[in-house]
Amino acid sequence: PRSTLFPYTTLFRSGTNDLSEFRARYGQGAARSILQVLARTLRNSVWPTDVVGTWNDSQFIAILMGCGEDALHAVSARMLRMLSNATITWWGEQLSVALSTGCTAARPGDTVKTMLERVRAGFEGNMGTDGAQRSAATGGAN
């Protein structure tokens, strides 16, 4: 059974692991530029019925309609791959940032709060300082 509030809905959160370091090294203009490329990549990677927004100054959230638990891990990995290919050319140098993601599907009895808590936990559990790309998909019963 699916949640009656969010049938076939997935929350996907992504963000940079090292934006403050990136900003310190390349400047505010480069940081703004890479975030714009990430936002455009994410927006162009989803269906018109999905919703993409900013979570904070270095993170994004997407509400993916029609995406249930069965596709959760594949969708999370695909989104991370697409976002990981986002680069900018800054003073002749190709730049990118390390990313982390968290993803969860709606479960019976979910509220907005419970879904946000799960996606936050998955995302924050993947944040690292070693530059590695990380992804977490939280589906099924925990």
Protein backbone atom coordinates (compact mmCIF):
# COMPACT_ATOMS: atom_id res chain seq x y z
CA PRO A 1 0.00 0.00 0.00
CA ARG A 2 1.07 3.56 -0.71
CA SER A 3 0.67 6.67 1.36
CA THR A 4 -2.70 8.25 0.62
CA LEU A 5 -1.15 11.68 0.99
CA PHE A 6 1.74 11.09 -1.43
CA PRO A 7 0.93 8.25 -3.83
CA TYR A 8 3.98 7.32 -5.90
CA THR A 9 5.95 10.33 -4.71
CA THR A 10 9.67 10.53 -4.07
CA LEU A 11 11.68 13.30 -2.43
CA PHE A 12 15.20 13.76 -3.79
CA ARG A 13 17.70 16.10 -2.11
CA SER A 14 21.14 16.92 -3.46
CA GLY A 15 23.87 19.35 -2.55
CA THR A 16 27.53 20.15 -2.67
CA ASN A 17 29.91 18.67 -0.13
CA ASP A 18 32.42 21.48 -0.32
CA LEU A 19 30.83 24.71 -1.56
CA SER A 20 32.53 26.90 1.07
CA GLU A 21 35.92 25.49 0.06
CA PHE A 22 35.04 25.90 -3.63
CA ARG A 23 33.94 29.51 -2.98
CA ALA A 24 37.14 30.29 -1.06
CA ARG A 25 39.32 28.85 -3.81
CA TYR A 26 37.54 30.18 -6.94
CA GLY A 27 35.38 33.06 -5.68
CA GLN A 28 31.69 33.84 -5.32
CA GLY A 29 31.17 34.13 -9.10
CA ALA A 30 32.37 30.58 -9.72
CA ALA A 31 30.27 29.25 -6.85
CA ARG A 32 27.16 30.99 -8.19
CA SER A 33 27.90 29.68 -11.68
CA ILE A 34 28.30 26.02 -10.61
CA LEU A 35 25.07 26.23 -8.57
CA GLN A 36 23.23 27.60 -11.61
CA VAL A 37 24.53 24.71 -13.75
CA LEU A 38 23.49 22.19 -11.08
CA ALA A 39 20.02 23.75 -10.82
CA ARG A 40 19.56 23.74 -14.60
CA THR A 41 20.79 20.13 -14.85
CA LEU A 42 18.38 19.00 -12.13
CA ARG A 43 15.45 20.92 -13.63
CA ASN A 44 16.16 19.44 -17.08
CA SER A 45 16.46 15.92 -15.64
CA VAL A 46 12.91 15.61 -14.34
CA TRP A 47 9.41 15.41 -15.83
CA PRO A 48 7.29 18.56 -16.25
CA THR A 49 5.02 17.29 -13.44
CA ASP A 50 7.93 17.17 -10.98
CA VAL A 51 8.91 20.12 -8.79
CA VAL A 52 12.47 21.36 -8.23
CA GLY A 53 13.49 24.00 -5.70
CA THR A 54 16.33 25.16 -3.50
CA TRP A 55 16.80 23.74 -0.03
CA ASN A 56 19.41 26.26 1.07
CA ASP A 57 22.30 28.10 -0.59
CA SER A 58 24.02 24.90 -1.77
CA GLN A 59 21.28 22.26 -1.89
CA PHE A 60 18.28 21.38 -4.02
CA ILE A 61 15.14 19.34 -3.48
CA ALA A 62 12.92 17.67 -6.05
CA ILE A 63 9.46 16.20 -5.63
CA LEU A 64 9.23 13.40 -8.16
CA MET A 65 5.66 12.38 -8.93
CA GLY A 66 4.96 8.88 -10.21
CA CYS A 67 8.20 7.51 -8.81
CA GLY A 68 7.70 4.81 -6.21
CA GLU A 69 9.91 2.64 -4.05
CA ASP A 70 10.66 0.15 -6.81
CA ALA A 71 12.56 2.79 -8.79
CA LEU A 72 14.10 4.63 -5.85
CA HIS A 73 17.69 3.35 -6.00
CA ALA A 74 17.91 3.61 -9.79
CA VAL A 75 16.50 7.16 -9.81
CA SER A 76 18.84 8.29 -7.05
CA ALA A 77 21.90 6.85 -8.82
CA ARG A 78 20.85 8.31 -12.19
CA MET A 79 20.30 11.77 -10.73
CA LEU A 80 23.68 11.69 -8.97
CA ARG A 81 25.39 10.63 -12.23
CA MET A 82 23.75 13.46 -14.17
CA LEU A 83 24.55 16.09 -11.54
CA SER A 84 28.11 14.82 -11.19
CA ASN A 85 28.71 15.64 -14.85
CA ALA A 86 27.84 19.31 -14.32
CA THR A 87 30.93 21.46 -14.82
CA ILE A 88 31.84 25.05 -15.53
CA THR A 89 34.82 26.52 -17.32
CA TRP A 90 36.40 29.15 -15.09
CA TRP A 91 39.47 30.98 -16.34
CA GLY A 92 40.22 28.07 -18.66
CA GLU A 93 39.82 25.39 -16.00
CA GLN A 94 37.02 22.79 -15.88
CA LEU A 95 35.49 22.87 -12.39
CA SER A 96 32.99 20.66 -10.63
CA VAL A 97 31.94 19.95 -7.06
CA ALA A 98 31.48 16.73 -5.10
CA LEU A 99 27.83 15.96 -4.37
CA SER A 100 25.74 13.97 -1.95
CA THR A 101 22.12 12.94 -2.34
CA GLY A 102 19.32 11.56 -0.24
CA CYS A 103 16.11 10.08 -1.58
CA THR A 104 12.99 8.55 -0.06
CA ALA A 105 9.67 7.26 -1.32
CA ALA A 106 6.33 7.85 0.33
CA ARG A 107 5.20 5.20 2.79
CA PRO A 108 1.77 4.48 4.25
CA GLY A 109 0.93 7.08 6.88
CA ASP A 110 3.67 9.52 5.79
CA THR A 111 3.37 13.24 6.31
CA VAL A 112 5.52 15.94 4.77
CA LYS A 113 7.48 16.01 8.02
CA THR A 114 8.28 12.28 8.10
CA MET A 115 9.40 12.28 4.46
CA LEU A 116 11.59 15.34 5.02
CA GLU A 117 13.15 13.74 8.11
CA ARG A 118 14.07 10.58 6.17
CA VAL A 119 15.50 12.43 3.20
CA ARG A 120 17.47 14.71 5.57
CA ALA A 121 18.92 11.74 7.45
CA GLY A 122 19.94 10.00 4.22
CA PHE A 123 21.46 13.18 2.81
CA GLU A 124 23.37 14.18 5.94
CA GLY A 125 24.62 10.63 6.40
CA ASN A 126 26.25 10.91 2.97
CA MET A 127 27.91 14.30 3.38
CA GLY A 128 31.67 13.91 3.36
CA THR A 129 34.75 16.02 3.14
CA ASP A 130 36.81 13.59 1.08
CA GLY A 131 35.38 14.72 -2.27
CA ALA A 132 33.56 11.44 -2.90
CA GLN A 133 30.15 11.39 -4.58
CA ARG A 134 27.58 9.73 -2.34
CA SER A 135 23.98 8.64 -2.76
CA ALA A 136 21.38 7.21 -0.41
CA ALA A 137 17.95 5.92 -1.23
CA THR A 138 15.65 5.08 1.65
CA GLY A 139 12.83 2.78 0.68
CA GLY A 140 10.79 0.09 2.34
CA ALA A 141 10.45 -0.29 6.05
CA ASN A 142 13.39 0.67 8.20
